[in-house]
Amino acid sequence: MTLKAQIAADLNAVYFDAAAFAETVTYTPVGGAAQTIKAIIDYGVPDESGLAGMDAVNTDAELWLQADATNGIASVAVNDAVTIGSETWRVIYARKIDDGLIWRCRISRSTR
């Protein structure tokens, strides 16, 4: 097993463990089929202008997903849907981090 494969396996077993840090969500790519996956969610992320508290109603959040087709999502796109509980959020921004092993996404449930 390569170091990259071992790190990905450790991410799935430890960091993305639903009993520890992760939540189970339903991810639906635009024009694709829904998948149930594990994700890390940070609710109420302040906007990047530094205006802390501007998201007091928690319409924005950060979402981390494994960047692989087996345990997460291989390709993330703007407007993909993420269902958390009974609420649907939309991806508004995404980029790969941690040597391409994790998608870091900004999601919103704003209806404005």
N, C-alpha and C. Protein backbone atom coordinates (compact mmCIF):
# COMPACT_ATOMS: atom_id res chain seq x y z
N MET A 1 0.86 -1.18 0.00
CA MET A 1 0.00 0.00 0.00
C MET A 1 0.90 1.23 0.00
N THR A 2 0.58 2.19 -0.87
CA THR A 2 1.34 3.42 -0.92
C THR A 2 0.96 4.32 0.26
N LEU A 3 1.81 5.31 0.53
CA LEU A 3 1.52 6.25 1.62
C LEU A 3 0.22 7.00 1.35
N LYS A 4 0.01 7.42 0.11
CA LYS A 4 -1.22 8.14 -0.24
C LYS A 4 -2.45 7.25 -0.01
N ALA A 5 -2.37 5.99 -0.38
CA ALA A 5 -3.49 5.06 -0.16
C ALA A 5 -3.72 4.83 1.33
N GLN A 6 -2.64 4.76 2.11
CA GLN A 6 -2.78 4.57 3.55
C GLN A 6 -3.42 5.79 4.21
N ILE A 7 -3.02 6.98 3.78
CA ILE A 7 -3.62 8.20 4.32
C ILE A 7 -5.11 8.27 3.98
N ALA A 8 -5.47 7.92 2.75
CA ALA A 8 -6.88 7.91 2.35
C ALA A 8 -7.68 6.91 3.19
N ALA A 9 -7.11 5.74 3.45
CA ALA A 9 -7.79 4.74 4.28
C ALA A 9 -7.95 5.24 5.71
N ASP A 10 -6.92 5.90 6.23
CA ASP A 10 -7.00 6.46 7.58
C ASP A 10 -8.03 7.58 7.66
N LEU A 11 -8.12 8.41 6.62
CA LEU A 11 -9.14 9.46 6.59
C LEU A 11 -10.53 8.86 6.71
N ASN A 12 -10.77 7.80 5.96
CA ASN A 12 -12.08 7.15 5.97
C ASN A 12 -12.38 6.50 7.32
N ALA A 13 -11.38 5.87 7.90
CA ALA A 13 -11.59 5.12 9.14
C ALA A 13 -11.65 6.01 10.39
N VAL A 14 -10.95 7.14 10.37
CA VAL A 14 -10.85 7.96 11.58
C VAL A 14 -11.58 9.30 11.42
N TYR A 15 -11.10 10.13 10.52
CA TYR A 15 -11.64 11.49 10.39
C TYR A 15 -13.08 11.49 9.88
N PHE A 16 -13.36 10.66 8.90
CA PHE A 16 -14.70 10.59 8.33
C PHE A 16 -15.54 9.48 8.97
N ASP A 17 -15.27 9.16 10.20
CA ASP A 17 -16.03 8.16 10.95
C ASP A 17 -17.31 8.81 11.46
N ALA A 18 -18.46 8.28 11.06
CA ALA A 18 -19.76 8.85 11.45
C ALA A 18 -19.99 8.79 12.96
N ALA A 19 -19.30 7.91 13.65
CA ALA A 19 -19.45 7.83 15.10
C ALA A 19 -18.57 8.87 15.81
N ALA A 20 -17.66 9.50 15.08
CA ALA A 20 -16.74 10.47 15.69
C ALA A 20 -17.00 11.89 15.19
N PHE A 21 -16.59 12.20 13.97
CA PHE A 21 -16.64 13.56 13.47
C PHE A 21 -17.67 13.79 12.36
N ALA A 22 -17.92 12.77 11.57
CA ALA A 22 -18.68 12.93 10.34
C ALA A 22 -20.19 12.80 10.54
N GLU A 23 -20.92 13.33 9.57
CA GLU A 23 -22.37 13.15 9.48
C GLU A 23 -22.66 12.45 8.16
N THR A 24 -23.74 11.72 8.12
CA THR A 24 -24.16 11.09 6.87
C THR A 24 -25.06 12.06 6.12
N VAL A 25 -24.73 12.30 4.85
CA VAL A 25 -25.50 13.22 4.01
C VAL A 25 -25.83 12.51 2.70
N THR A 26 -26.77 13.08 1.97
CA THR A 26 -27.07 12.59 0.62
C THR A 26 -26.56 13.63 -0.36
N TYR A 27 -25.66 13.21 -1.23
CA TYR A 27 -25.04 14.10 -2.21
C TYR A 27 -25.58 13.76 -3.58
N THR A 28 -26.13 14.77 -4.27
CA THR A 28 -26.70 14.57 -5.60
C THR A 28 -26.03 15.50 -6.59
N PRO A 29 -25.17 14.98 -7.45
CA PRO A 29 -24.56 15.82 -8.48
C PRO A 29 -25.61 16.32 -9.47
N VAL A 30 -25.38 17.48 -10.03
CA VAL A 30 -26.29 17.99 -11.05
C VAL A 30 -26.37 16.96 -12.18
N GLY A 31 -27.57 16.49 -12.46
CA GLY A 31 -27.76 15.51 -13.52
C GLY A 31 -27.30 14.11 -13.17
N GLY A 32 -27.03 13.85 -11.88
CA GLY A 32 -26.55 12.52 -11.50
C GLY A 32 -27.42 11.87 -10.44
N ALA A 33 -27.02 10.71 -10.03
CA ALA A 33 -27.77 9.94 -9.03
C ALA A 33 -27.30 10.29 -7.62
N ALA A 34 -28.22 10.26 -6.68
CA ALA A 34 -27.91 10.56 -5.29
C ALA A 34 -27.06 9.46 -4.67
N GLN A 35 -26.13 9.87 -3.79
CA GLN A 35 -25.28 8.94 -3.07
C GLN A 35 -25.30 9.31 -1.59
N THR A 36 -25.34 8.32 -0.72
CA THR A 36 -25.22 8.56 0.71
C THR A 36 -23.75 8.43 1.08
N ILE A 37 -23.18 9.51 1.64
CA ILE A 37 -21.76 9.54 1.98
C ILE A 37 -21.57 10.19 3.34
N LYS A 38 -20.34 10.13 3.84
CA LYS A 38 -20.00 10.78 5.10
C LYS A 38 -19.33 12.12 4.79
N ALA A 39 -19.62 13.12 5.63
CA ALA A 39 -19.06 14.46 5.43
C ALA A 39 -18.82 15.12 6.78
N ILE A 40 -17.89 16.04 6.80
CA ILE A 40 -17.66 16.90 7.96
C ILE A 40 -18.30 18.24 7.63
N ILE A 41 -19.10 18.78 8.55
CA ILE A 41 -19.84 20.02 8.29
C ILE A 41 -19.54 21.03 9.39
N ASP A 42 -19.21 22.25 8.98
CA ASP A 42 -18.99 23.36 9.91
C ASP A 42 -20.03 24.42 9.59
N TYR A 43 -21.05 24.50 10.43
CA TYR A 43 -22.18 25.41 10.18
C TYR A 43 -21.85 26.85 10.58
N GLY A 44 -22.51 27.79 9.90
CA GLY A 44 -22.42 29.19 10.27
C GLY A 44 -21.06 29.81 10.04
N VAL A 45 -20.41 29.44 8.97
CA VAL A 45 -19.10 29.98 8.65
C VAL A 45 -19.25 31.45 8.26
N PRO A 46 -18.49 32.35 8.92
CA PRO A 46 -18.60 33.75 8.54
C PRO A 46 -18.09 33.96 7.12
N ASP A 47 -18.59 35.00 6.47
CA ASP A 47 -18.14 35.23 5.09
C ASP A 47 -16.66 35.62 5.10
N GLU A 48 -16.04 35.54 3.93
CA GLU A 48 -14.60 35.75 3.84
C GLU A 48 -14.19 37.20 3.94
N SER A 49 -15.12 38.12 4.05
CA SER A 49 -14.74 39.52 4.23
C SER A 49 -14.33 39.80 5.66
N GLY A 50 -14.48 38.78 6.53
CA GLY A 50 -14.09 38.95 7.92
C GLY A 50 -15.18 39.52 8.79
N LEU A 51 -16.39 39.60 8.29
CA LEU A 51 -17.50 40.13 9.06
C LEU A 51 -18.12 39.02 9.90
N ALA A 52 -17.45 38.68 10.98
CA ALA A 52 -17.91 37.59 11.84
C ALA A 52 -19.32 37.86 12.33
N GLY A 53 -20.12 36.81 12.36
CA GLY A 53 -21.50 36.94 12.82
C GLY A 53 -22.48 37.30 11.74
N MET A 54 -22.02 37.50 10.52
CA MET A 54 -22.92 37.89 9.43
C MET A 54 -23.82 36.74 9.01
N ASP A 55 -23.51 35.54 9.45
CA ASP A 55 -24.34 34.40 9.08
C ASP A 55 -25.02 33.82 10.33
N ALA A 56 -25.65 34.69 11.07
CA ALA A 56 -26.27 34.28 12.33
C ALA A 56 -27.41 33.28 12.13
N VAL A 57 -28.01 33.25 10.95
CA VAL A 57 -29.10 32.31 10.70
C VAL A 57 -28.60 31.01 10.04
N ASN A 58 -27.29 30.88 9.97
CA ASN A 58 -26.67 29.65 9.47
C ASN A 58 -27.17 29.23 8.09
N THR A 59 -27.06 30.13 7.15
CA THR A 59 -27.43 29.76 5.78
C THR A 59 -26.23 29.25 4.98
N ASP A 60 -25.02 29.45 5.49
CA ASP A 60 -23.81 28.98 4.85
C ASP A 60 -23.09 28.01 5.76
N ALA A 61 -22.34 27.10 5.17
CA ALA A 61 -21.54 26.14 5.93
C ALA A 61 -20.37 25.69 5.07
N GLU A 62 -19.39 25.10 5.72
CA GLU A 62 -18.30 24.44 5.01
C GLU A 62 -18.52 22.94 5.11
N LEU A 63 -18.22 22.26 4.04
CA LEU A 63 -18.45 20.83 3.93
C LEU A 63 -17.16 20.19 3.42
N TRP A 64 -16.69 19.17 4.12
CA TRP A 64 -15.52 18.43 3.67
C TRP A 64 -15.97 17.03 3.27
N LEU A 65 -15.53 16.60 2.09
CA LEU A 65 -15.86 15.27 1.55
C LEU A 65 -14.59 14.59 1.10
N GLN A 66 -14.57 13.28 1.16
CA GLN A 66 -13.45 12.55 0.60
C GLN A 66 -13.50 12.65 -0.92
N ALA A 67 -12.36 12.89 -1.51
CA ALA A 67 -12.30 13.11 -2.96
C ALA A 67 -12.00 11.79 -3.69
N ASP A 68 -12.88 10.83 -3.50
CA ASP A 68 -12.77 9.58 -4.26
C ASP A 68 -14.16 8.99 -4.44
N ALA A 69 -14.31 8.21 -5.48
CA ALA A 69 -15.62 7.67 -5.83
C ALA A 69 -16.09 6.56 -4.89
N THR A 70 -15.19 5.94 -4.15
CA THR A 70 -15.57 4.85 -3.26
C THR A 70 -16.19 5.35 -1.96
N ASN A 71 -15.53 6.30 -1.31
CA ASN A 71 -15.96 6.77 0.01
C ASN A 71 -16.55 8.17 0.00
N GLY A 72 -16.45 8.85 -1.11
CA GLY A 72 -16.93 10.23 -1.19
C GLY A 72 -17.41 10.57 -2.58
N ILE A 73 -16.94 11.69 -3.09
CA ILE A 73 -17.34 12.17 -4.41
C ILE A 73 -16.08 12.45 -5.23
N ALA A 74 -15.98 11.88 -6.40
CA ALA A 74 -14.81 12.08 -7.24
C ALA A 74 -14.77 13.48 -7.85
N SER A 75 -15.94 14.01 -8.23
CA SER A 75 -16.01 15.31 -8.89
C SER A 75 -17.15 16.13 -8.30
N VAL A 76 -16.83 17.31 -7.81
CA VAL A 76 -17.81 18.21 -7.21
C VAL A 76 -18.02 19.39 -8.16
N ALA A 77 -19.28 19.85 -8.27
CA ALA A 77 -19.59 20.99 -9.14
C ALA A 77 -20.54 21.96 -8.45
N VAL A 78 -20.48 23.19 -8.87
CA VAL A 78 -21.40 24.21 -8.37
C VAL A 78 -22.83 23.76 -8.65
N ASN A 79 -23.72 23.97 -7.70
CA ASN A 79 -25.15 23.62 -7.74
C ASN A 79 -25.45 22.16 -7.45
N ASP A 80 -24.43 21.35 -7.17
CA ASP A 80 -24.73 20.00 -6.68
C ASP A 80 -25.53 20.16 -5.39
N ALA A 81 -26.41 19.21 -5.12
CA ALA A 81 -27.27 19.28 -3.93
C ALA A 81 -26.72 18.39 -2.82
N VAL A 82 -26.80 18.91 -1.60
CA VAL A 82 -26.41 18.15 -0.41
C VAL A 82 -27.60 18.18 0.55
N THR A 83 -28.17 17.02 0.82
CA THR A 83 -29.29 16.95 1.74
C THR A 83 -28.76 16.53 3.10
N ILE A 84 -28.99 17.41 4.08
CA ILE A 84 -28.57 17.18 5.46
C ILE A 84 -29.85 17.16 6.28
N GLY A 85 -30.20 16.00 6.79
CA GLY A 85 -31.49 15.86 7.47
C GLY A 85 -32.60 16.07 6.45
N SER A 86 -33.44 17.07 6.69
CA SER A 86 -34.53 17.36 5.76
C SER A 86 -34.28 18.60 4.91
N GLU A 87 -33.09 19.20 5.04
CA GLU A 87 -32.79 20.43 4.31
C GLU A 87 -31.84 20.19 3.15
N THR A 88 -32.10 20.89 2.06
CA THR A 88 -31.24 20.78 0.89
C THR A 88 -30.36 22.02 0.80
N TRP A 89 -29.09 21.79 0.68
CA TRP A 89 -28.08 22.83 0.52
C TRP A 89 -27.51 22.72 -0.89
N ARG A 90 -26.90 23.78 -1.39
CA ARG A 90 -26.27 23.77 -2.72
C ARG A 90 -24.80 24.13 -2.61
N VAL A 91 -23.98 23.47 -3.39
CA VAL A 91 -22.56 23.79 -3.44
C VAL A 91 -22.41 25.11 -4.19
N ILE A 92 -21.70 26.06 -3.56
CA ILE A 92 -21.46 27.34 -4.23
C ILE A 92 -19.98 27.54 -4.57
N TYR A 93 -19.13 26.69 -4.00
CA TYR A 93 -17.69 26.77 -4.26
C TYR A 93 -17.06 25.47 -3.79
N ALA A 94 -16.03 25.00 -4.49
CA ALA A 94 -15.33 23.78 -4.05
C ALA A 94 -13.91 23.80 -4.58
N ARG A 95 -13.02 23.24 -3.77
CA ARG A 95 -11.64 23.03 -4.21
C ARG A 95 -11.06 21.85 -3.44
N LYS A 96 -10.08 21.18 -4.06
CA LYS A 96 -9.43 20.06 -3.40
C LYS A 96 -8.33 20.58 -2.48
N ILE A 97 -8.23 19.94 -1.30
CA ILE A 97 -7.18 20.28 -0.35
C ILE A 97 -6.49 18.99 0.10
N ASP A 98 -5.47 19.13 0.92
CA ASP A 98 -4.75 17.98 1.48
C ASP A 98 -4.29 17.01 0.40
N ASP A 99 -3.49 17.54 -0.52
CA ASP A 99 -2.93 16.74 -1.62
C ASP A 99 -3.99 16.07 -2.48
N GLY A 100 -5.16 16.71 -2.60
CA GLY A 100 -6.22 16.19 -3.46
C GLY A 100 -7.06 15.10 -2.85
N LEU A 101 -6.94 14.86 -1.54
CA LEU A 101 -7.69 13.79 -0.89
C LEU A 101 -9.05 14.24 -0.38
N ILE A 102 -9.23 15.55 -0.20
CA ILE A 102 -10.47 16.07 0.39
C ILE A 102 -10.99 17.23 -0.45
N TRP A 103 -12.31 17.24 -0.65
CA TRP A 103 -12.99 18.40 -1.23
C TRP A 103 -13.39 19.31 -0.08
N ARG A 104 -13.06 20.58 -0.17
CA ARG A 104 -13.53 21.59 0.78
C ARG A 104 -14.54 22.44 0.01
N CYS A 105 -15.78 22.38 0.46
CA CYS A 105 -16.88 23.03 -0.26
C CYS A 105 -17.55 24.09 0.61
N ARG A 106 -17.99 25.13 -0.03
CA ARG A 106 -18.87 26.11 0.63
C ARG A 106 -20.27 25.76 0.16
N ILE A 107 -21.19 25.56 1.09
CA ILE A 107 -22.56 25.23 0.73
C ILE A 107 -23.50 26.28 1.33
N SER A 108 -24.68 26.42 0.72
CA SER A 108 -25.64 27.39 1.18
C SER A 108 -27.06 26.83 1.09
N ARG A 109 -27.88 27.20 2.05
CA ARG A 109 -29.29 26.83 1.99
C ARG A 109 -30.15 28.09 1.87
N SER A 110 -29.50 29.18 1.53
CA SER A 110 -30.18 30.45 1.38
C SER A 110 -31.17 30.41 0.23
N THR A 111 -32.33 30.97 0.44
CA THR A 111 -33.34 31.03 -0.63
C THR A 111 -33.47 32.46 -1.15
N ARG A 112 -32.54 33.30 -0.76
CA ARG A 112 -32.60 34.69 -1.21
C ARG A 112 -32.29 34.81 -2.68
